[in-house]
Amino acid sequence: MYNEKKQGNETPHGPTPNKEAIMPDIHCHILPAIDDGATNLEVSLAMARLSAASGVDTIIATPHFGCDDVNAKSREIMADSAVVS
């Protein structure tokens, strides 16, 4: 069994996030009530807090929407992005 002593700033789950490093989440369904992701603003903000605590410093929202409602959905996405930001 391999049992090495933890060094420096490591936790039982691995190293703690380096706050100086750039850590983006490039696929996230964080916008509230848009698709199968966050169901409301409270859930969106909880997701953002968990991401930040894990070292993520940038989130790229990637909501699903169909071509039949592009204009209406685009306005909704822009409004939700402003609120979550």
N, C-alpha and C. Protein backbone atom coordinates (compact mmCIF):
# COMPACT_ATOMS: atom_id res chain seq x y z
N MET A 1 0.84 -1.18 0.00
CA MET A 1 0.00 0.00 0.00
C MET A 1 0.89 1.25 0.00
N TYR A 2 0.60 2.15 -0.88
CA TYR A 2 1.36 3.39 -0.99
C TYR A 2 0.77 4.41 -0.03
N ASN A 3 1.59 4.90 0.89
CA ASN A 3 1.09 5.84 1.89
C ASN A 3 2.12 6.95 2.09
N GLU A 4 2.00 8.00 1.30
CA GLU A 4 2.94 9.11 1.38
C GLU A 4 2.36 10.23 2.22
N LYS A 5 3.19 10.85 3.01
CA LYS A 5 2.77 11.97 3.84
C LYS A 5 2.44 13.17 2.95
N LYS A 6 1.35 13.84 3.27
CA LYS A 6 0.94 15.02 2.50
C LYS A 6 1.93 16.16 2.72
N GLN A 7 2.22 16.88 1.68
CA GLN A 7 3.16 17.99 1.73
C GLN A 7 2.43 19.32 1.54
N GLY A 8 2.91 20.35 2.15
CA GLY A 8 2.44 21.72 1.91
C GLY A 8 0.96 21.92 2.17
N ASN A 9 0.27 22.44 1.16
CA ASN A 9 -1.12 22.86 1.33
C ASN A 9 -2.12 21.82 0.82
N GLU A 10 -1.79 20.54 0.93
CA GLU A 10 -2.69 19.51 0.44
C GLU A 10 -3.75 19.14 1.47
N THR A 11 -4.89 18.71 0.97
CA THR A 11 -5.99 18.24 1.80
C THR A 11 -6.13 16.74 1.55
N PRO A 12 -7.00 16.04 2.26
CA PRO A 12 -7.19 14.62 1.97
C PRO A 12 -7.69 14.35 0.55
N HIS A 13 -8.25 15.39 -0.11
CA HIS A 13 -8.78 15.24 -1.46
C HIS A 13 -7.84 15.78 -2.52
N GLY A 14 -6.64 16.16 -2.14
CA GLY A 14 -5.67 16.69 -3.10
C GLY A 14 -5.25 18.09 -2.70
N PRO A 15 -4.47 18.75 -3.57
CA PRO A 15 -3.98 20.09 -3.23
C PRO A 15 -5.11 21.11 -3.18
N THR A 16 -4.96 22.09 -2.32
CA THR A 16 -5.93 23.17 -2.28
C THR A 16 -5.75 24.02 -3.53
N PRO A 17 -6.81 24.66 -4.00
CA PRO A 17 -6.70 25.45 -5.23
C PRO A 17 -5.69 26.58 -5.09
N ASN A 18 -4.93 26.81 -6.14
CA ASN A 18 -3.99 27.92 -6.18
C ASN A 18 -4.78 29.17 -6.57
N LYS A 19 -4.92 30.10 -5.65
CA LYS A 19 -5.75 31.29 -5.90
C LYS A 19 -5.16 32.19 -6.98
N GLU A 20 -3.89 31.99 -7.33
CA GLU A 20 -3.26 32.79 -8.37
C GLU A 20 -3.54 32.22 -9.77
N ALA A 21 -3.88 30.96 -9.85
CA ALA A 21 -4.09 30.31 -11.14
C ALA A 21 -5.46 30.69 -11.71
N ILE A 22 -5.53 30.68 -13.02
CA ILE A 22 -6.80 30.92 -13.69
C ILE A 22 -7.50 29.57 -13.81
N MET A 23 -8.74 29.50 -13.32
CA MET A 23 -9.47 28.25 -13.32
C MET A 23 -10.87 28.49 -13.86
N PRO A 24 -11.06 28.39 -15.18
CA PRO A 24 -12.40 28.61 -15.73
C PRO A 24 -13.24 27.34 -15.73
N ASP A 25 -14.53 27.52 -15.65
CA ASP A 25 -15.49 26.44 -15.90
C ASP A 25 -16.09 26.81 -17.25
N ILE A 26 -15.78 26.04 -18.29
CA ILE A 26 -16.17 26.43 -19.64
C ILE A 26 -17.47 25.80 -20.12
N HIS A 27 -18.17 25.10 -19.24
CA HIS A 27 -19.47 24.54 -19.61
C HIS A 27 -20.31 24.43 -18.35
N CYS A 28 -21.18 25.40 -18.14
CA CYS A 28 -21.96 25.45 -16.91
C CYS A 28 -23.39 25.90 -17.18
N HIS A 29 -24.33 25.20 -16.59
CA HIS A 29 -25.75 25.54 -16.72
C HIS A 29 -26.18 26.30 -15.46
N ILE A 30 -25.57 27.45 -15.26
CA ILE A 30 -25.75 28.22 -14.03
C ILE A 30 -26.90 29.22 -14.09
N LEU A 31 -27.34 29.60 -15.28
CA LEU A 31 -28.40 30.60 -15.38
C LEU A 31 -29.72 30.02 -14.87
N PRO A 32 -30.44 30.79 -14.06
CA PRO A 32 -31.65 30.24 -13.43
C PRO A 32 -32.81 30.01 -14.39
N ALA A 33 -33.41 28.83 -14.27
CA ALA A 33 -34.65 28.47 -14.98
C ALA A 33 -34.59 28.61 -16.49
N ILE A 34 -33.42 28.41 -17.07
CA ILE A 34 -33.28 28.49 -18.52
C ILE A 34 -33.36 27.10 -19.14
N ASP A 35 -32.69 26.14 -18.53
CA ASP A 35 -32.65 24.79 -19.09
C ASP A 35 -32.65 23.77 -17.95
N ASP A 36 -31.88 22.72 -18.09
CA ASP A 36 -31.85 21.65 -17.09
C ASP A 36 -30.86 21.90 -15.96
N GLY A 37 -30.36 23.11 -15.85
CA GLY A 37 -29.41 23.46 -14.80
C GLY A 37 -30.09 24.04 -13.57
N ALA A 38 -29.60 25.17 -13.13
CA ALA A 38 -30.14 25.83 -11.93
C ALA A 38 -31.64 26.11 -12.09
N THR A 39 -32.39 25.75 -11.07
CA THR A 39 -33.84 25.91 -11.15
C THR A 39 -34.31 27.31 -10.77
N ASN A 40 -33.49 28.06 -10.03
CA ASN A 40 -33.85 29.42 -9.63
C ASN A 40 -32.59 30.19 -9.26
N LEU A 41 -32.74 31.48 -8.95
CA LEU A 41 -31.60 32.32 -8.64
C LEU A 41 -30.83 31.83 -7.42
N GLU A 42 -31.53 31.35 -6.42
CA GLU A 42 -30.87 30.84 -5.21
C GLU A 42 -29.92 29.69 -5.55
N VAL A 43 -30.36 28.79 -6.40
CA VAL A 43 -29.52 27.67 -6.82
C VAL A 43 -28.34 28.17 -7.66
N SER A 44 -28.58 29.14 -8.54
CA SER A 44 -27.49 29.72 -9.35
C SER A 44 -26.40 30.31 -8.46
N LEU A 45 -26.82 31.07 -7.45
CA LEU A 45 -25.83 31.70 -6.57
C LEU A 45 -25.10 30.66 -5.73
N ALA A 46 -25.79 29.61 -5.31
CA ALA A 46 -25.14 28.52 -4.56
C ALA A 46 -24.10 27.83 -5.45
N MET A 47 -24.44 27.61 -6.72
CA MET A 47 -23.49 27.01 -7.66
C MET A 47 -22.27 27.91 -7.82
N ALA A 48 -22.49 29.21 -7.92
CA ALA A 48 -21.37 30.15 -8.07
C ALA A 48 -20.47 30.14 -6.83
N ARG A 49 -21.08 30.09 -5.66
CA ARG A 49 -20.29 30.06 -4.42
C ARG A 49 -19.46 28.77 -4.32
N LEU A 50 -20.06 27.64 -4.66
CA LEU A 50 -19.34 26.37 -4.63
C LEU A 50 -18.19 26.38 -5.63
N SER A 51 -18.44 26.92 -6.80
CA SER A 51 -17.39 27.01 -7.81
C SER A 51 -16.23 27.87 -7.31
N ALA A 52 -16.55 29.02 -6.76
CA ALA A 52 -15.51 29.92 -6.25
C ALA A 52 -14.72 29.25 -5.13
N ALA A 53 -15.40 28.55 -4.24
CA ALA A 53 -14.72 27.86 -3.14
C ALA A 53 -13.81 26.75 -3.66
N SER A 54 -14.11 26.23 -4.85
CA SER A 54 -13.30 25.17 -5.45
C SER A 54 -12.16 25.73 -6.29
N GLY A 55 -12.08 27.05 -6.40
CA GLY A 55 -10.99 27.66 -7.15
C GLY A 55 -11.38 28.17 -8.52
N VAL A 56 -12.63 27.98 -8.93
CA VAL A 56 -13.07 28.48 -10.23
C VAL A 56 -13.19 30.00 -10.15
N ASP A 57 -12.59 30.70 -11.11
CA ASP A 57 -12.66 32.17 -11.09
C ASP A 57 -13.42 32.75 -12.28
N THR A 58 -13.79 31.91 -13.23
CA THR A 58 -14.54 32.34 -14.40
C THR A 58 -15.54 31.25 -14.76
N ILE A 59 -16.79 31.63 -15.01
CA ILE A 59 -17.80 30.67 -15.42
C ILE A 59 -18.37 31.12 -16.76
N ILE A 60 -18.36 30.20 -17.71
CA ILE A 60 -18.97 30.46 -19.01
C ILE A 60 -20.31 29.74 -19.03
N ALA A 61 -21.39 30.51 -19.02
CA ALA A 61 -22.73 29.94 -19.02
C ALA A 61 -23.02 29.36 -20.40
N THR A 62 -23.52 28.14 -20.44
CA THR A 62 -23.79 27.47 -21.70
C THR A 62 -25.21 26.89 -21.70
N PRO A 63 -26.23 27.75 -21.72
CA PRO A 63 -27.61 27.26 -21.68
C PRO A 63 -28.03 26.61 -23.00
N HIS A 64 -28.96 25.68 -22.89
CA HIS A 64 -29.57 25.07 -24.07
C HIS A 64 -30.76 25.92 -24.52
N PHE A 65 -30.92 26.09 -25.80
CA PHE A 65 -32.17 26.65 -26.33
C PHE A 65 -32.26 26.35 -27.80
N GLY A 66 -33.49 26.24 -28.30
CA GLY A 66 -33.72 25.88 -29.69
C GLY A 66 -33.79 27.08 -30.61
N CYS A 67 -33.72 26.81 -31.89
CA CYS A 67 -33.73 27.88 -32.89
C CYS A 67 -35.08 28.58 -33.00
N ASP A 68 -36.16 27.93 -32.59
CA ASP A 68 -37.48 28.52 -32.74
C ASP A 68 -37.72 29.72 -31.82
N ASP A 69 -36.95 29.85 -30.77
CA ASP A 69 -37.17 30.96 -29.82
C ASP A 69 -35.89 31.73 -29.52
N VAL A 70 -35.04 31.87 -30.51
CA VAL A 70 -33.73 32.49 -30.31
C VAL A 70 -33.84 33.90 -29.75
N ASN A 71 -34.68 34.77 -30.33
CA ASN A 71 -34.74 36.15 -29.87
C ASN A 71 -35.26 36.28 -28.44
N ALA A 72 -36.35 35.62 -28.13
CA ALA A 72 -36.92 35.69 -26.78
C ALA A 72 -35.97 35.07 -25.77
N LYS A 73 -35.41 33.92 -26.08
CA LYS A 73 -34.50 33.23 -25.16
C LYS A 73 -33.21 34.03 -24.99
N SER A 74 -32.73 34.65 -26.04
CA SER A 74 -31.51 35.46 -25.95
C SER A 74 -31.69 36.62 -24.98
N ARG A 75 -32.84 37.28 -25.03
CA ARG A 75 -33.11 38.39 -24.10
C ARG A 75 -33.15 37.86 -22.66
N GLU A 76 -33.77 36.71 -22.47
CA GLU A 76 -33.86 36.11 -21.13
C GLU A 76 -32.47 35.72 -20.61
N ILE A 77 -31.65 35.16 -21.48
CA ILE A 77 -30.29 34.76 -21.10
C ILE A 77 -29.47 35.99 -20.72
N MET A 78 -29.57 37.05 -21.50
CA MET A 78 -28.81 38.27 -21.20
C MET A 78 -29.26 38.86 -19.86
N ALA A 79 -30.55 38.89 -19.59
CA ALA A 79 -31.05 39.41 -18.33
C ALA A 79 -30.58 38.56 -17.15
N ASP A 80 -30.65 37.22 -17.29
CA ASP A 80 -30.21 36.33 -16.21
C ASP A 80 -28.69 36.43 -16.00
N SER A 81 -27.95 36.61 -17.08
CA SER A 81 -26.49 36.75 -16.95
C SER A 81 -26.14 37.98 -16.13
N ALA A 82 -26.86 39.06 -16.36
CA ALA A 82 -26.60 40.29 -15.60
C ALA A 82 -26.91 40.09 -14.12
N VAL A 83 -27.95 39.36 -13.79
CA VAL A 83 -28.32 39.13 -12.40
C VAL A 83 -27.30 38.24 -11.70
N VAL A 84 -26.88 37.15 -12.36
CA VAL A 84 -25.96 36.20 -11.76
C VAL A 84 -24.55 36.78 -11.65
N SER A 85 -24.18 37.64 -12.59
CA SER A 85 -22.84 38.24 -12.56
C SER A 85 -22.69 39.08 -11.32
